[in-house]
Amino acid sequence: MEPYIILDGVSKSFRSVEVLKPLSIEFEEGLIHGIVGRNGSGKTVMMKLILGFLKPTQGTVTVGKKRVGKDVDFPQDVGAIIENVDFIPYLNAYDNLYNLAAIRHRITKEDVKQVLETVGLGDTGRKKVAKFSLGMRQRLAIAQAIMEKPKLIILDEPMNGLDKRGVEEMRQIFLNLKAEGTTILLASHNMEDIRCLCDKVYEMDAGVLTPIDGVS
């Protein structure tokens, strides 16, 4: 398979602290890649480097054959959940997503309605996001990440706040996206998510990323 993400000698330091050690790795297209590791191990920093939210101290990040920060400021055709996703609290789910969709004009009103149905928020109507439960907010965050059907989806702890049913539903959504050829990078503390979803698994520890052959 072709690599969709290529990190070539990528490291990241904040002042004198190196939080991501020099890393060279390829994430193949069309697979779900799992990243495990403790809080503060460097997972989110690596994801932000791939998304162009941070610039590497050294090395190059290539996504979809374009160098991030050189050929493009941010990778194209990407959806993401990184830390907390901010929504406008006094708007409902549809209006929040439609406002985001209007920035790039890539999807229609019907597409927005469809993605809300997909994540189980189709019946929330005029209910303001301020009154959403944590699980509903997480479903909305997933909806915004997938609504434009991006080629790459980066998910940092996407199951936070979801009950058992919600977790099962979101897992199926991610597997369906993979079946359609989407590349997914998934960080999770839940090893069951990793076992159920991921084709390849890596452990991040103190800024060092290591492949894991099997997850038990």
Protein backbone atom coordinates (compact mmCIF):
# COMPACT_ATOMS: atom_id res chain seq x y z
CA MET A 1 0.00 0.00 0.00
CA GLU A 2 1.03 3.58 -0.64
CA PRO A 3 1.97 5.72 2.39
CA TYR A 4 -0.41 8.60 3.01
CA ILE A 5 1.54 10.18 5.86
CA ILE A 6 5.34 10.31 5.87
CA LEU A 7 7.34 11.65 8.80
CA ASP A 8 11.00 12.04 7.87
CA GLY A 9 13.31 12.79 10.79
CA VAL A 10 10.59 14.75 12.56
CA SER A 11 11.24 16.02 16.08
CA LYS A 12 9.67 18.67 18.26
CA SER A 13 11.13 20.64 21.14
CA PHE A 14 9.60 23.28 23.35
CA ARG A 15 12.46 25.46 24.59
CA SER A 16 15.06 22.93 25.70
CA VAL A 17 12.68 20.00 26.16
CA GLU A 18 12.46 17.49 23.29
CA VAL A 19 8.92 16.10 23.50
CA LEU A 20 9.09 14.17 20.23
CA LYS A 21 12.32 12.35 19.42
CA PRO A 22 13.49 12.23 15.77
CA LEU A 23 10.91 10.06 14.05
CA SER A 24 10.84 8.52 10.58
CA ILE A 25 7.72 6.51 9.81
CA GLU A 26 5.10 5.96 7.12
CA PHE A 27 1.39 5.47 7.76
CA GLU A 28 -0.17 3.54 4.91
CA GLU A 29 -3.26 4.66 3.04
CA GLY A 30 -6.60 3.01 3.76
CA LEU A 31 -5.73 1.56 7.17
CA ILE A 32 -6.62 2.42 10.76
CA HIS A 33 -3.41 3.14 12.67
CA GLY A 34 -3.66 3.02 16.46
CA ILE A 35 -1.47 5.04 18.80
CA VAL A 36 -1.31 4.11 22.48
CA GLY A 37 0.63 5.74 25.29
CA ARG A 38 0.31 7.67 28.51
CA ASN A 39 -0.78 11.30 28.73
CA GLY A 40 2.13 13.55 27.88
CA SER A 41 3.96 10.87 25.89
CA GLY A 42 3.88 12.86 22.64
CA LYS A 43 0.81 11.45 20.83
CA THR A 44 -1.07 14.73 20.52
CA VAL A 45 2.09 16.63 19.56
CA MET A 46 2.68 14.21 16.68
CA MET A 47 -0.90 14.63 15.51
CA LYS A 48 -0.63 18.42 15.64
CA LEU A 49 2.56 18.24 13.56
CA ILE A 50 0.76 16.15 10.93
CA LEU A 51 -2.12 18.65 10.87
CA GLY A 52 0.21 21.63 10.56
CA PHE A 53 -0.90 23.09 13.90
CA LEU A 54 2.72 22.87 15.06
CA LYS A 55 5.93 23.16 13.06
CA PRO A 56 8.60 20.50 13.56
CA THR A 57 11.90 21.50 15.09
CA GLN A 58 13.55 19.24 12.55
CA GLY A 59 12.39 17.05 9.68
CA THR A 60 9.52 17.10 7.20
CA VAL A 61 5.89 16.01 7.34
CA THR A 62 4.27 14.88 4.09
CA VAL A 63 0.54 14.21 3.80
CA GLY A 64 -0.96 13.09 0.51
CA LYS A 65 2.35 13.75 -1.28
CA LYS A 66 2.46 17.40 -0.15
CA ARG A 67 4.90 18.72 2.45
CA VAL A 68 3.10 20.40 5.31
CA GLY A 69 4.44 23.90 5.93
CA LYS A 70 6.13 23.98 2.52
CA ASP A 71 3.80 22.88 -0.27
CA VAL A 72 0.72 23.59 1.87
CA ASP A 73 0.22 25.31 5.23
CA PHE A 74 -2.20 22.62 6.33
CA PRO A 75 -2.87 19.21 4.78
CA GLN A 76 -5.85 19.05 2.48
CA ASP A 77 -8.80 16.70 2.81
CA VAL A 78 -8.40 16.03 6.55
CA GLY A 79 -10.91 15.78 9.39
CA ALA A 80 -9.79 15.78 13.01
CA ILE A 81 -10.65 15.68 16.68
CA ILE A 82 -7.76 17.12 18.67
CA GLU A 83 -8.46 17.80 22.34
CA ASN A 84 -11.75 19.65 22.85
CA VAL A 85 -13.74 20.74 19.79
CA ASP A 86 -15.36 24.13 20.35
CA PHE A 87 -18.92 24.65 19.14
CA ILE A 88 -21.13 27.70 19.41
CA PRO A 89 -23.20 26.88 22.53
CA TYR A 90 -26.32 28.86 21.62
CA LEU A 91 -26.72 27.13 18.22
CA ASN A 92 -28.11 23.67 17.58
CA ALA A 93 -26.11 20.79 16.08
CA TYR A 94 -27.21 21.44 12.50
CA ASP A 95 -26.40 25.17 12.58
CA ASN A 96 -22.98 24.51 14.11
CA LEU A 97 -22.06 22.04 11.37
CA TYR A 98 -23.60 24.11 8.58
CA ASN A 99 -21.56 27.15 9.64
CA LEU A 100 -18.39 25.04 9.47
CA ALA A 101 -19.40 23.52 6.13
CA ALA A 102 -20.01 26.98 4.67
CA ILE A 103 -16.32 27.83 5.05
CA ARG A 104 -15.29 25.52 2.19
CA HIS A 105 -18.63 24.91 0.44
CA ARG A 106 -17.80 21.25 -0.14
CA ILE A 107 -21.01 19.73 1.16
CA THR A 108 -24.73 20.54 1.03
CA LYS A 109 -27.40 21.08 3.67
CA GLU A 110 -28.57 17.54 3.00
CA ASP A 111 -25.05 16.24 3.64
CA VAL A 112 -25.07 17.98 7.02
CA LYS A 113 -28.42 16.41 7.89
CA GLN A 114 -27.15 13.01 6.77
CA VAL A 115 -24.00 13.10 8.91
CA LEU A 116 -26.09 14.04 11.96
CA GLU A 117 -28.25 10.99 11.28
CA THR A 118 -25.12 8.88 10.91
CA VAL A 119 -23.78 9.82 14.36
CA GLY A 120 -27.17 9.56 16.06
CA LEU A 121 -28.00 13.25 16.38
CA GLY A 122 -30.66 13.47 13.70
CA ASP A 123 -33.47 14.00 16.20
CA THR A 124 -31.93 16.77 18.33
CA GLY A 125 -33.82 19.47 16.42
CA ARG A 126 -33.45 22.96 17.87
CA LYS A 127 -31.78 21.81 21.08
CA LYS A 128 -28.82 24.09 21.77
CA VAL A 129 -25.39 22.53 22.06
CA ALA A 130 -25.07 24.16 25.49
CA LYS A 131 -27.68 21.64 26.68
CA PHE A 132 -25.98 18.62 25.11
CA SER A 133 -24.57 15.86 27.29
CA LEU A 134 -20.86 15.05 27.05
CA GLY A 135 -21.68 12.07 24.85
CA MET A 136 -23.79 14.18 22.48
CA ARG A 137 -20.98 16.72 22.19
CA GLN A 138 -18.58 13.92 21.32
CA ARG A 139 -20.93 12.61 18.63
CA LEU A 140 -21.08 16.14 17.21
CA ALA A 141 -17.28 16.36 17.25
CA ILE A 142 -17.10 13.11 15.29
CA ALA A 143 -19.70 14.45 12.86
CA GLN A 144 -17.61 17.54 12.12
CA ALA A 145 -14.53 15.38 11.57
CA ILE A 146 -16.19 13.09 9.04
CA MET A 147 -18.83 15.30 7.40
CA GLU A 148 -16.77 16.28 4.33
CA LYS A 149 -15.70 12.66 3.77
CA PRO A 150 -11.97 13.44 4.05
CA LYS A 151 -9.28 11.07 2.87
CA LEU A 152 -7.55 11.30 6.27
CA ILE A 153 -9.14 11.42 9.71
CA ILE A 154 -7.09 12.08 12.86
CA LEU A 155 -8.83 11.18 16.11
CA ASP A 156 -7.44 11.89 19.57
CA GLU A 157 -9.52 9.94 22.13
CA PRO A 158 -12.72 10.02 20.02
CA MET A 159 -14.74 7.82 22.41
CA ASN A 160 -14.52 10.20 25.40
CA GLY A 161 -17.90 10.62 27.07
CA LEU A 162 -19.68 7.95 25.03
CA ASP A 163 -21.70 5.17 26.64
CA LYS A 164 -21.35 1.54 25.57
CA ARG A 165 -23.89 1.87 22.77
CA GLY A 166 -22.29 5.06 21.52
CA VAL A 167 -18.85 3.45 21.46
CA GLU A 168 -20.16 0.51 19.44
CA GLU A 169 -21.91 2.83 16.98
CA MET A 170 -18.82 5.01 16.47
CA ARG A 171 -16.60 1.96 16.00
CA GLN A 172 -18.85 0.81 13.18
CA ILE A 173 -18.73 4.25 11.59
CA PHE A 174 -14.92 4.19 11.62
CA LEU A 175 -14.84 0.67 10.14
CA ASN A 176 -17.24 1.78 7.41
CA LEU A 177 -14.99 4.74 6.61
CA LYS A 178 -11.98 2.44 6.40
CA ALA A 179 -13.92 0.18 4.01
CA GLU A 180 -14.43 3.24 1.79
CA GLY A 181 -10.65 3.81 1.68
CA THR A 182 -10.26 6.43 4.40
CA THR A 183 -6.97 6.53 6.30
CA ILE A 184 -7.47 6.92 10.06
CA LEU A 185 -4.97 7.78 12.78
CA LEU A 186 -6.49 6.96 16.16
CA ALA A 187 -5.13 7.62 19.64
CA SER A 188 -6.94 5.87 22.45
CA HIS A 189 -6.42 4.74 26.04
CA ASN A 190 -9.07 2.07 25.49
CA MET A 191 -7.32 -1.10 24.38
CA GLU A 192 -10.62 -2.60 23.25
CA ASP A 193 -10.95 0.23 20.70
CA ILE A 194 -7.43 -0.55 19.52
CA ARG A 195 -8.14 -4.28 19.23
CA CYS A 196 -11.46 -3.82 17.44
CA LEU A 197 -10.41 -1.13 14.99
CA CYS A 198 -6.72 -0.96 14.24
CA ASP A 199 -4.73 -2.66 11.49
CA LYS A 200 -1.43 -1.42 12.89
CA VAL A 201 -0.59 -0.27 16.41
CA TYR A 202 2.24 1.89 17.77
CA GLU A 203 3.19 2.87 21.29
CA MET A 204 4.36 6.39 22.11
CA ASP A 205 6.58 6.60 25.18
CA ALA A 206 8.57 9.69 26.13
CA GLY A 207 8.48 10.96 22.55
CA VAL A 208 9.56 7.65 20.97
CA LEU A 209 7.13 5.80 18.66
CA THR A 210 7.52 2.02 18.49
CA PRO A 211 5.47 -0.47 16.39
CA ILE A 212 3.60 -3.15 18.36
CA ASP A 213 3.24 -6.51 16.62
CA GLY A 214 0.20 -7.67 18.55
CA VAL A 215 -2.26 -6.21 21.05
CA SER A 216 -3.73 -8.41 23.77
